Amino acid sequence: MLRIRLRRVGKKGSPSYRIVVADSAAPRDGAYVEWIGQYNPMVDPPAVVLKEDRAIAWLSQGAQPSDAVKRIFDRDGIYEKLRSPQEEPVAVEEQIE
């Protein structure tokens, strides 16, 4: 099973995290399938850079986010974008009479 979770990077005392898609059996800082963003809790407010299209794609394929990533996705509105259907542009045809 695939999980979307945080992978710690940065030096001692100054953590930052990559948001990655990894196998649930892989260790925290082990191999991952795809890197979809980063999270820096050391700045105020915490900085999040996220590839929203890739996050939505992985969630729709069944990847399960960790608790911390769920909170990040809730704050950024990823679940709302996942639930709302993609609105197709409607072509307006003008009739010439």
PDB file of N, CA and C in Angstrom:
ATOM      1  N   MET A   1       0.846  -1.169   0.000  1.00  0.00           N
ATOM      2  CA  MET A   1       0.000   0.000   0.000  1.00  0.00           C
ATOM      3  C   MET A   1       0.897   1.239   0.000  1.00  0.00           C
ATOM      4  N   LEU A   2       0.500   2.229  -0.771  1.00  0.00           N
ATOM      5  CA  LEU A   2       1.259   3.467  -0.843  1.00  0.00           C
ATOM      6  C   LEU A   2       0.740   4.480   0.159  1.00  0.00           C
ATOM      7  N   ARG A   3       1.670   5.236   0.742  1.00  0.00           N
ATOM      8  CA  ARG A   3       1.330   6.285   1.705  1.00  0.00           C
ATOM      9  C   ARG A   3       1.934   7.597   1.228  1.00  0.00           C
ATOM     10  N   ILE A   4       1.218   8.672   1.497  1.00  0.00           N
ATOM     11  CA  ILE A   4       1.769  10.008   1.288  1.00  0.00           C
ATOM     12  C   ILE A   4       2.197  10.474   2.666  1.00  0.00           C
ATOM     13  N   ARG A   5       3.498  10.729   2.833  1.00  0.00           N
ATOM     14  CA  ARG A   5       4.000  11.051   4.167  1.00  0.00           C
ATOM     15  C   ARG A   5       5.183  12.005   4.092  1.00  0.00           C
ATOM     16  N   LEU A   6       5.655  12.397   5.270  1.00  0.00           N
ATOM     17  CA  LEU A   6       6.772  13.330   5.368  1.00  0.00           C
ATOM     18  C   LEU A   6       8.084  12.568   5.454  1.00  0.00           C
ATOM     19  N   ARG A   7       9.085  13.066   4.740  1.00  0.00           N
ATOM     20  CA  ARG A   7      10.440  12.506   4.781  1.00  0.00           C
ATOM     21  C   ARG A   7      11.348  13.609   5.299  1.00  0.00           C
ATOM     22  N   ARG A   8      12.018  13.362   6.400  1.00  0.00           N
ATOM     23  CA  ARG A   8      12.811  14.408   7.035  1.00  0.00           C
ATOM     24  C   ARG A   8      14.106  14.669   6.284  1.00  0.00           C
ATOM     25  N   VAL A   9      14.384  15.952   6.064  1.00  0.00           N
ATOM     26  CA  VAL A   9      15.657  16.407   5.516  1.00  0.00           C
ATOM     27  C   VAL A   9      16.084  17.604   6.344  1.00  0.00           C
ATOM     28  N   GLY A  10      17.248  18.133   6.102  1.00  0.00           N
ATOM     29  CA  GLY A  10      17.724  19.277   6.873  1.00  0.00           C
ATOM     30  C   GLY A  10      18.698  18.838   7.946  1.00  0.00           C
ATOM     31  N   LYS A  11      19.325  19.816   8.558  1.00  0.00           N
ATOM     32  CA  LYS A  11      20.335  19.487   9.564  1.00  0.00           C
ATOM     33  C   LYS A  11      19.719  19.344  10.955  1.00  0.00           C
ATOM     34  N   LYS A  12      20.537  18.907  11.886  1.00  0.00           N
ATOM     35  CA  LYS A  12      20.100  18.688  13.255  1.00  0.00           C
ATOM     36  C   LYS A  12      19.591  20.001  13.852  1.00  0.00           C
ATOM     37  N   GLY A  13      18.398  19.971  14.434  1.00  0.00           N
ATOM     38  CA  GLY A  13      17.819  21.151  15.048  1.00  0.00           C
ATOM     39  C   GLY A  13      17.101  22.075  14.087  1.00  0.00           C
ATOM     40  N   SER A  14      17.169  21.788  12.808  1.00  0.00           N
ATOM     41  CA  SER A  14      16.505  22.618  11.800  1.00  0.00           C
ATOM     42  C   SER A  14      15.830  21.711  10.772  1.00  0.00           C
ATOM     43  N   PRO A  15      14.763  21.049  11.169  1.00  0.00           N
ATOM     44  CA  PRO A  15      14.149  20.087  10.246  1.00  0.00           C
ATOM     45  C   PRO A  15      13.340  20.768   9.151  1.00  0.00           C
ATOM     46  N   SER A  16      13.320  20.130   8.017  1.00  0.00           N
ATOM     47  CA  SER A  16      12.352  20.432   6.973  1.00  0.00           C
ATOM     48  C   SER A  16      11.987  19.080   6.386  1.00  0.00           C
ATOM     49  N   TYR A  17      10.884  19.028   5.716  1.00  0.00           N
ATOM     50  CA  TYR A  17      10.362  17.742   5.270  1.00  0.00           C
ATOM     51  C   TYR A  17       9.999  17.787   3.806  1.00  0.00           C
ATOM     52  N   ARG A  18      10.164  16.676   3.131  1.00  0.00           N
ATOM     53  CA  ARG A  18       9.651  16.489   1.783  1.00  0.00           C
ATOM     54  C   ARG A  18       8.364  15.694   1.909  1.00  0.00           C
ATOM     55  N   ILE A  19       7.371  16.059   1.134  1.00  0.00           N
ATOM     56  CA  ILE A  19       6.129  15.292   1.083  1.00  0.00           C
ATOM     57  C   ILE A  19       6.312  14.299  -0.053  1.00  0.00           C
ATOM     58  N   VAL A  20       6.316  13.022   0.278  1.00  0.00           N
ATOM     59  CA  VAL A  20       6.619  11.984  -0.700  1.00  0.00           C
ATOM     60  C   VAL A  20       5.541  10.900  -0.711  1.00  0.00           C
ATOM     61  N   VAL A  21       5.483  10.198  -1.817  1.00  0.00           N
ATOM     62  CA  VAL A  21       4.660   8.997  -1.938  1.00  0.00           C
ATOM     63  C   VAL A  21       5.620   7.825  -1.789  1.00  0.00           C
ATOM     64  N   ALA A  22       5.387   6.983  -0.780  1.00  0.00           N
ATOM     65  CA  ALA A  22       6.295   5.872  -0.500  1.00  0.00           C
ATOM     66  C   ALA A  22       5.490   4.634  -0.137  1.00  0.00           C
ATOM     67  N   ASP A  23       6.131   3.490  -0.247  1.00  0.00           N
ATOM     68  CA  ASP A  23       5.523   2.248   0.197  1.00  0.00           C
ATOM     69  C   ASP A  23       5.398   2.294   1.713  1.00  0.00           C
ATOM     70  N   SER A  24       4.306   1.778   2.237  1.00  0.00           N
ATOM     71  CA  SER A  24       4.063   1.866   3.680  1.00  0.00           C
ATOM     72  C   SER A  24       5.098   1.088   4.490  1.00  0.00           C
ATOM     73  N   ALA A  25       5.764   0.103   3.887  1.00  0.00           N
ATOM     74  CA  ALA A  25       6.765  -0.683   4.601  1.00  0.00           C
ATOM     75  C   ALA A  25       8.142  -0.025   4.589  1.00  0.00           C
ATOM     76  N   ALA A  26       8.345   1.002   3.776  1.00  0.00           N
ATOM     77  CA  ALA A  26       9.648   1.670   3.680  1.00  0.00           C
ATOM     78  C   ALA A  26       9.894   2.512   4.938  1.00  0.00           C
ATOM     79  N   PRO A  27      11.155   2.638   5.365  1.00  0.00           N
ATOM     80  CA  PRO A  27      11.445   3.474   6.537  1.00  0.00           C
ATOM     81  C   PRO A  27      11.181   4.954   6.256  1.00  0.00           C
ATOM     82  N   ARG A  28      11.108   5.758   7.324  1.00  0.00           N
ATOM     83  CA  ARG A  28      10.751   7.179   7.207  1.00  0.00           C
ATOM     84  C   ARG A  28      11.611   7.919   6.191  1.00  0.00           C
ATOM     85  N   ASP A  29      12.910   7.701   6.237  1.00  0.00           N
ATOM     86  CA  ASP A  29      13.813   8.400   5.324  1.00  0.00           C
ATOM     87  C   ASP A  29      14.320   7.484   4.219  1.00  0.00           C
ATOM     88  N   GLY A  30      13.575   6.423   3.936  1.00  0.00           N
ATOM     89  CA  GLY A  30      13.992   5.459   2.927  1.00  0.00           C
ATOM     90  C   GLY A  30      13.552   5.853   1.526  1.00  0.00           C
ATOM     91  N   ALA A  31      13.509   4.864   0.665  1.00  0.00           N
ATOM     92  CA  ALA A  31      13.177   5.077  -0.739  1.00  0.00           C
ATOM     93  C   ALA A  31      11.731   5.541  -0.888  1.00  0.00           C
ATOM     94  N   TYR A  32      11.488   6.329  -1.920  1.00  0.00           N
ATOM     95  CA  TYR A  32      10.136   6.805  -2.192  1.00  0.00           C
ATOM     96  C   TYR A  32       9.850   6.727  -3.682  1.00  0.00           C
ATOM     97  N   VAL A  33       8.564   6.774  -4.026  1.00  0.00           N
ATOM     98  CA  VAL A  33       8.138   6.660  -5.423  1.00  0.00           C
ATOM     99  C   VAL A  33       8.203   8.012  -6.110  1.00  0.00           C
ATOM    100  N   GLU A  34       7.654   9.050  -5.457  1.00  0.00           N
ATOM    101  CA  GLU A  34       7.628  10.377  -6.057  1.00  0.00           C
ATOM    102  C   GLU A  34       7.650  11.445  -4.969  1.00  0.00           C
ATOM    103  N   TRP A  35       8.337  12.532  -5.273  1.00  0.00           N
ATOM    104  CA  TRP A  35       8.407  13.687  -4.386  1.00  0.00           C
ATOM    105  C   TRP A  35       7.375  14.693  -4.871  1.00  0.00           C
ATOM    106  N   ILE A  36       6.368  15.012  -4.027  1.00  0.00           N
ATOM    107  CA  ILE A  36       5.282  15.878  -4.483  1.00  0.00           C
ATOM    108  C   ILE A  36       5.224  17.222  -3.768  1.00  0.00           C
ATOM    109  N   GLY A  37       6.170  17.492  -2.866  1.00  0.00           N
ATOM    110  CA  GLY A  37       6.168  18.796  -2.219  1.00  0.00           C
ATOM    111  C   GLY A  37       7.150  18.871  -1.079  1.00  0.00           C
ATOM    112  N   GLN A  38       7.128  20.025  -0.402  1.00  0.00           N
ATOM    113  CA  GLN A  38       7.972  20.174   0.775  1.00  0.00           C
ATOM    114  C   GLN A  38       7.253  20.995   1.834  1.00  0.00           C
ATOM    115  N   TYR A  39       7.679  20.799   3.078  1.00  0.00           N
ATOM    116  CA  TYR A  39       7.057  21.439   4.235  1.00  0.00           C
ATOM    117  C   TYR A  39       8.163  21.909   5.163  1.00  0.00           C
ATOM    118  N   ASN A  40       8.145  23.196   5.514  1.00  0.00           N
ATOM    119  CA  ASN A  40       9.136  23.754   6.415  1.00  0.00           C
ATOM    120  C   ASN A  40       8.436  24.322   7.645  1.00  0.00           C
ATOM    121  N   PRO A  41       8.466  23.607   8.777  1.00  0.00           N
ATOM    122  CA  PRO A  41       7.771  24.074   9.976  1.00  0.00           C
ATOM    123  C   PRO A  41       8.539  25.137  10.761  1.00  0.00           C
ATOM    124  N   MET A  42       9.767  25.451  10.370  1.00  0.00           N
ATOM    125  CA  MET A  42      10.602  26.361  11.141  1.00  0.00           C
ATOM    126  C   MET A  42      10.323  27.836  10.861  1.00  0.00           C
ATOM    127  N   VAL A  43       9.590  28.153   9.801  1.00  0.00           N
ATOM    128  CA  VAL A  43       9.246  29.546   9.522  1.00  0.00           C
ATOM    129  C   VAL A  43       7.840  29.813  10.042  1.00  0.00           C
ATOM    130  N   ASP A  44       7.521  31.091  10.223  1.00  0.00           N
ATOM    131  CA  ASP A  44       6.201  31.434  10.741  1.00  0.00           C
ATOM    132  C   ASP A  44       5.476  32.280   9.722  1.00  0.00           C
ATOM    133  N   PRO A  45       4.396  31.841   9.140  1.00  0.00           N
ATOM    134  CA  PRO A  45       3.720  30.547   9.257  1.00  0.00           C
ATOM    135  C   PRO A  45       4.476  29.459   8.497  1.00  0.00           C
ATOM    136  N   PRO A  46       4.240  28.198   8.842  1.00  0.00           N
ATOM    137  CA  PRO A  46       4.943  27.104   8.163  1.00  0.00           C
ATOM    138  C   PRO A  46       4.734  27.147   6.649  1.00  0.00           C
ATOM    139  N   ALA A  47       5.828  26.957   5.919  1.00  0.00           N
ATOM    140  CA  ALA A  47       5.787  27.045   4.462  1.00  0.00           C
ATOM    141  C   ALA A  47       5.500  25.682   3.851  1.00  0.00           C
ATOM    142  N   VAL A  48       4.575  25.666   2.902  1.00  0.00           N
ATOM    143  CA  VAL A  48       4.233  24.437   2.189  1.00  0.00           C
ATOM    144  C   VAL A  48       4.291  24.721   0.696  1.00  0.00           C
ATOM    145  N   VAL A  49       5.049  23.914  -0.023  1.00  0.00           N
ATOM    146  CA  VAL A  49       5.079  23.952  -1.480  1.00  0.00           C
ATOM    147  C   VAL A  49       4.600  22.576  -1.923  1.00  0.00           C
ATOM    148  N   LEU A  50       3.549  22.547  -2.741  1.00  0.00           N
ATOM    149  CA  LEU A  50       2.913  21.277  -3.064  1.00  0.00           C
ATOM    150  C   LEU A  50       2.531  21.230  -4.532  1.00  0.00           C
ATOM    151  N   LYS A  51       2.806  20.091  -5.163  1.00  0.00           N
ATOM    152  CA  LYS A  51       2.328  19.849  -6.523  1.00  0.00           C
ATOM    153  C   LYS A  51       0.909  19.298  -6.385  1.00  0.00           C
ATOM    154  N   GLU A  52      -0.068  20.208  -6.431  1.00  0.00           N
ATOM    155  CA  GLU A  52      -1.453  19.824  -6.148  1.00  0.00           C
ATOM    156  C   GLU A  52      -1.978  18.782  -7.127  1.00  0.00           C
ATOM    157  N   ASP A  53      -1.646  18.915  -8.405  1.00  0.00           N
ATOM    158  CA  ASP A  53      -2.148  17.959  -9.391  1.00  0.00           C
ATOM    159  C   ASP A  53      -1.635  16.554  -9.121  1.00  0.00           C
ATOM    160  N   ARG A  54      -0.379  16.425  -8.708  1.00  0.00           N
ATOM    161  CA  ARG A  54       0.175  15.104  -8.402  1.00  0.00           C
ATOM    162  C   ARG A  54      -0.410  14.544  -7.107  1.00  0.00           C
ATOM    163  N   ALA A  55      -0.645  15.413  -6.113  1.00  0.00           N
ATOM    164  CA  ALA A  55      -1.253  14.956  -4.857  1.00  0.00           C
ATOM    165  C   ALA A  55      -2.658  14.418  -5.122  1.00  0.00           C
ATOM    166  N   ILE A  56      -3.433  15.140  -5.923  1.00  0.00           N
ATOM    167  CA  ILE A  56      -4.786  14.697  -6.255  1.00  0.00           C
ATOM    168  C   ILE A  56      -4.743  13.395  -7.050  1.00  0.00           C
ATOM    169  N   ALA A  57      -3.786  13.285  -7.955  1.00  0.00           N
ATOM    170  CA  ALA A  57      -3.659  12.057  -8.749  1.00  0.00           C
ATOM    171  C   ALA A  57      -3.358  10.854  -7.860  1.00  0.00           C
ATOM    172  N   TRP A  58      -2.438  11.000  -6.911  1.00  0.00           N
ATOM    173  CA  TRP A  58      -2.105   9.884  -6.032  1.00  0.00           C
ATOM    174  C   TRP A  58      -3.256   9.540  -5.097  1.00  0.00           C
ATOM    175  N   LEU A  59      -3.963  10.553  -4.598  1.00  0.00           N
ATOM    176  CA  LEU A  59      -5.114  10.274  -3.731  1.00  0.00           C
ATOM    177  C   LEU A  59      -6.200   9.543  -4.505  1.00  0.00           C
ATOM    178  N   SER A  60      -6.418   9.921  -5.747  1.00  0.00           N
ATOM    179  CA  SER A  60      -7.449   9.253  -6.546  1.00  0.00           C
ATOM    180  C   SER A  60      -7.051   7.821  -6.896  1.00  0.00           C
ATOM    181  N   GLN A  61      -5.753   7.519  -6.876  1.00  0.00           N
ATOM    182  CA  GLN A  61      -5.287   6.159  -7.141  1.00  0.00           C
ATOM    183  C   GLN A  61      -5.250   5.304  -5.880  1.00  0.00           C
ATOM    184  N   GLY A  62      -5.604   5.886  -4.725  1.00  0.00           N
ATOM    185  CA  GLY A  62      -5.718   5.090  -3.509  1.00  0.00           C
ATOM    186  C   GLY A  62      -4.607   5.260  -2.496  1.00  0.00           C
ATOM    187  N   ALA A  63      -3.666   6.167  -2.716  1.00  0.00           N
ATOM    188  CA  ALA A  63      -2.609   6.395  -1.725  1.00  0.00           C
ATOM    189  C   ALA A  63      -3.225   7.009  -0.469  1.00  0.00           C
ATOM    190  N   GLN A  64      -2.785   6.544   0.693  1.00  0.00           N
ATOM    191  CA  GLN A  64      -3.323   7.003   1.970  1.00  0.00           C
ATOM    192  C   GLN A  64      -2.374   8.009   2.599  1.00  0.00           C
ATOM    193  N   PRO A  65      -2.831   9.220   2.935  1.00  0.00           N
ATOM    194  CA  PRO A  65      -1.944  10.194   3.575  1.00  0.00           C
ATOM    195  C   PRO A  65      -1.764   9.902   5.069  1.00  0.00           C
ATOM    196  N   SER A  66      -0.604  10.263   5.596  1.00  0.00           N
ATOM    197  CA  SER A  66      -0.379  10.149   7.035  1.00  0.00           C
ATOM    198  C   SER A  66      -1.175  11.239   7.739  1.00  0.00           C
ATOM    199  N   ASP A  67      -1.224  11.200   9.064  1.00  0.00           N
ATOM    200  CA  ASP A  67      -1.991  12.190   9.821  1.00  0.00           C
ATOM    201  C   ASP A  67      -1.472  13.607   9.592  1.00  0.00           C
ATOM    202  N   ALA A  68      -0.148  13.771   9.595  1.00  0.00           N
ATOM    203  CA  ALA A  68       0.433  15.101   9.383  1.00  0.00           C
ATOM    204  C   ALA A  68       0.128  15.614   7.976  1.00  0.00           C
ATOM    205  N   VAL A  69       0.211  14.747   6.999  1.00  0.00           N
ATOM    206  CA  VAL A  69      -0.064  15.155   5.619  1.00  0.00           C
ATOM    207  C   VAL A  69      -1.553  15.449   5.443  1.00  0.00           C
ATOM    208  N   LYS A  70      -2.414  14.725   6.143  1.00  0.00           N
ATOM    209  CA  LYS A  70      -3.855  15.031   6.103  1.00  0.00           C
ATOM    210  C   LYS A  70      -4.116  16.452   6.563  1.00  0.00           C
ATOM    211  N   ARG A  71      -3.454  16.869   7.641  1.00  0.00           N
ATOM    212  CA  ARG A  71      -3.628  18.239   8.139  1.00  0.00           C
ATOM    213  C   ARG A  71      -3.138  19.260   7.123  1.00  0.00           C
ATOM    214  N   ILE A  72      -2.028  18.980   6.467  1.00  0.00           N
ATOM    215  CA  ILE A  72      -1.506  19.887   5.439  1.00  0.00           C
ATOM    216  C   ILE A  72      -2.480  19.967   4.266  1.00  0.00           C
ATOM    217  N   PHE A  73      -2.999  18.813   3.835  1.00  0.00           N
ATOM    218  CA  PHE A  73      -3.953  18.790   2.718  1.00  0.00           C
ATOM    219  C   PHE A  73      -5.244  19.514   3.082  1.00  0.00           C
ATOM    220  N   ASP A  74      -5.714  19.344   4.312  1.00  0.00           N
ATOM    221  CA  ASP A  74      -6.923  20.055   4.745  1.00  0.00           C
ATOM    222  C   ASP A  74      -6.718  21.564   4.699  1.00  0.00           C
ATOM    223  N   ARG A  75      -5.578  22.014   5.177  1.00  0.00           N
ATOM    224  CA  ARG A  75      -5.295  23.448   5.200  1.00  0.00           C
ATOM    225  C   ARG A  75      -5.182  24.022   3.782  1.00  0.00           C
ATOM    226  N   ASP A  76      -4.628  23.236   2.857  1.00  0.00           N
ATOM    227  CA  ASP A  76      -4.446  23.714   1.479  1.00  0.00           C
ATOM    228  C   ASP A  76      -5.655  23.443   0.589  1.00  0.00           C
ATOM    229  N   GLY A  77      -6.673  22.745   1.100  1.00  0.00           N
ATOM    230  CA  GLY A  77      -7.892  22.509   0.333  1.00  0.00           C
ATOM    231  C   GLY A  77      -7.784  21.430  -0.729  1.00  0.00           C
ATOM    232  N   ILE A  78      -6.881  20.487  -0.552  1.00  0.00           N
ATOM    233  CA  ILE A  78      -6.700  19.421  -1.538  1.00  0.00           C
ATOM    234  C   ILE A  78      -7.920  18.514  -1.589  1.00  0.00           C
ATOM    235  N   TYR A  79      -8.509  18.208  -0.422  1.00  0.00           N
ATOM    236  CA  TYR A  79      -9.667  17.317  -0.409  1.00  0.00           C
ATOM    237  C   TYR A  79     -10.865  17.948  -1.102  1.00  0.00           C
ATOM    238  N   GLU A  80     -11.029  19.252  -0.980  1.00  0.00           N
ATOM    239  CA  GLU A  80     -12.137  19.932  -1.666  1.00  0.00           C
ATOM    240  C   GLU A  80     -11.958  19.847  -3.181  1.00  0.00           C
ATOM    241  N   LYS A  81     -10.716  20.001  -3.639  1.00  0.00           N
ATOM    242  CA  LYS A  81     -10.448  19.903  -5.072  1.00  0.00           C
ATOM    243  C   LYS A  81     -10.634  18.472  -5.565  1.00  0.00           C
ATOM    244  N   LEU A  82     -10.344  17.503  -4.704  1.00  0.00           N
ATOM    245  CA  LEU A  82     -10.511  16.101  -5.077  1.00  0.00           C
ATOM    246  C   LEU A  82     -11.987  15.745  -5.188  1.00  0.00           C
ATOM    247  N   ARG A  83     -12.814  16.260  -4.269  1.00  0.00           N
ATOM    248  CA  ARG A  83     -14.240  15.930  -4.258  1.00  0.00           C
ATOM    249  C   ARG A  83     -15.017  16.655  -5.341  1.00  0.00           C
ATOM    250  N   SER A  84     -14.637  17.896  -5.641  1.00  0.00           N
ATOM    251  CA  SER A  84     -15.399  18.658  -6.639  1.00  0.00           C
ATOM    252  C   SER A  84     -15.078  18.129  -8.030  1.00  0.00           C
ATOM    253  N   PRO A  85     -16.102  17.915  -8.828  1.00  0.00           N
ATOM    254  CA  PRO A  85     -15.855  17.426 -10.183  1.00  0.00           C
ATOM    255  C   PRO A  85     -15.176  18.513 -11.010  1.00  0.00           C
ATOM    256  N   GLN A  86     -14.364  18.074 -11.934  1.00  0.00           N
ATOM    257  CA  GLN A  86     -13.697  19.017 -12.816  1.00  0.00           C
ATOM    258  C   GLN A  86     -14.730  19.648 -13.732  1.00  0.00           C
ATOM    259  N   GLU A  87     -14.859  20.938 -13.647  1.00  0.00           N
ATOM    260  CA  GLU A  87     -15.843  21.626 -14.462  1.00  0.00           C
ATOM    261  C   GLU A  87     -15.283  21.836 -15.853  1.00  0.00           C
ATOM    262  N   GLU A  88     -15.992  21.335 -16.826  1.00  0.00           N
ATOM    263  CA  GLU A  88     -15.601  21.499 -18.214  1.00  0.00           C
ATOM    264  C   GLU A  88     -16.061  22.871 -18.697  1.00  0.00           C
ATOM    265  N   PRO A  89     -15.262  23.536 -19.494  1.00  0.00           N
ATOM    266  CA  PRO A  89     -15.720  24.808 -20.038  1.00  0.00           C
ATOM    267  C   PRO A  89     -16.889  24.576 -20.995  1.00  0.00           C
ATOM    268  N   VAL A  90     -17.907  25.390 -20.847  1.00  0.00           N
ATOM    269  CA  VAL A  90     -19.109  25.239 -21.652  1.00  0.00           C
ATOM    270  C   VAL A  90     -18.988  26.171 -22.851  1.00  0.00           C
ATOM    271  N   ALA A  91     -19.146  25.587 -24.017  1.00  0.00           N
ATOM    272  CA  ALA A  91     -19.073  26.373 -25.239  1.00  0.00           C
ATOM    273  C   ALA A  91     -20.407  27.083 -25.449  1.00  0.00           C
ATOM    274  N   VAL A  92     -20.340  28.343 -25.672  1.00  0.00           N
ATOM    275  CA  VAL A  92     -21.550  29.128 -25.898  1.00  0.00           C
ATOM    276  C   VAL A  92     -21.692  29.303 -27.406  1.00  0.00           C
ATOM    277  N   GLU A  93     -22.773  28.759 -27.913  1.00  0.00           N
ATOM    278  CA  GLU A  93     -23.017  28.869 -29.360  1.00  0.00           C
ATOM    279  C   GLU A  93     -23.985  30.009 -29.603  1.00  0.00           C
ATOM    280  N   GLU A  94     -23.587  30.880 -30.478  1.00  0.00           N
ATOM    281  CA  GLU A  94     -24.460  31.982 -30.839  1.00  0.00           C
ATOM    282  C   GLU A  94     -25.169  31.634 -32.124  1.00  0.00           C
ATOM    283  N   GLN A  95     -26.429  31.845 -32.113  1.00  0.00           N
ATOM    284  CA  GLN A  95     -27.207  31.569 -33.321  1.00  0.00           C
ATOM    285  C   GLN A  95     -27.368  32.862 -34.094  1.00  0.00           C
ATOM    286  N   ILE A  96     -27.017  32.802 -35.335  1.00  0.00           N
ATOM    287  CA  ILE A  96     -27.141  33.964 -36.213  1.00  0.00           C
ATOM    288  C   ILE A  96     -28.369  33.738 -37.077  1.00  0.00           C
ATOM    289  N   GLU A  97     -29.311  34.625 -36.926  1.00  0.00           N
ATOM    290  CA  GLU A  97     -30.549  34.496 -37.705  1.00  0.00           C
ATOM    291  C   GLU A  97     -30.733  35.658 -38.620  1.00  0.00           C
TER     292      GLU A  97
END
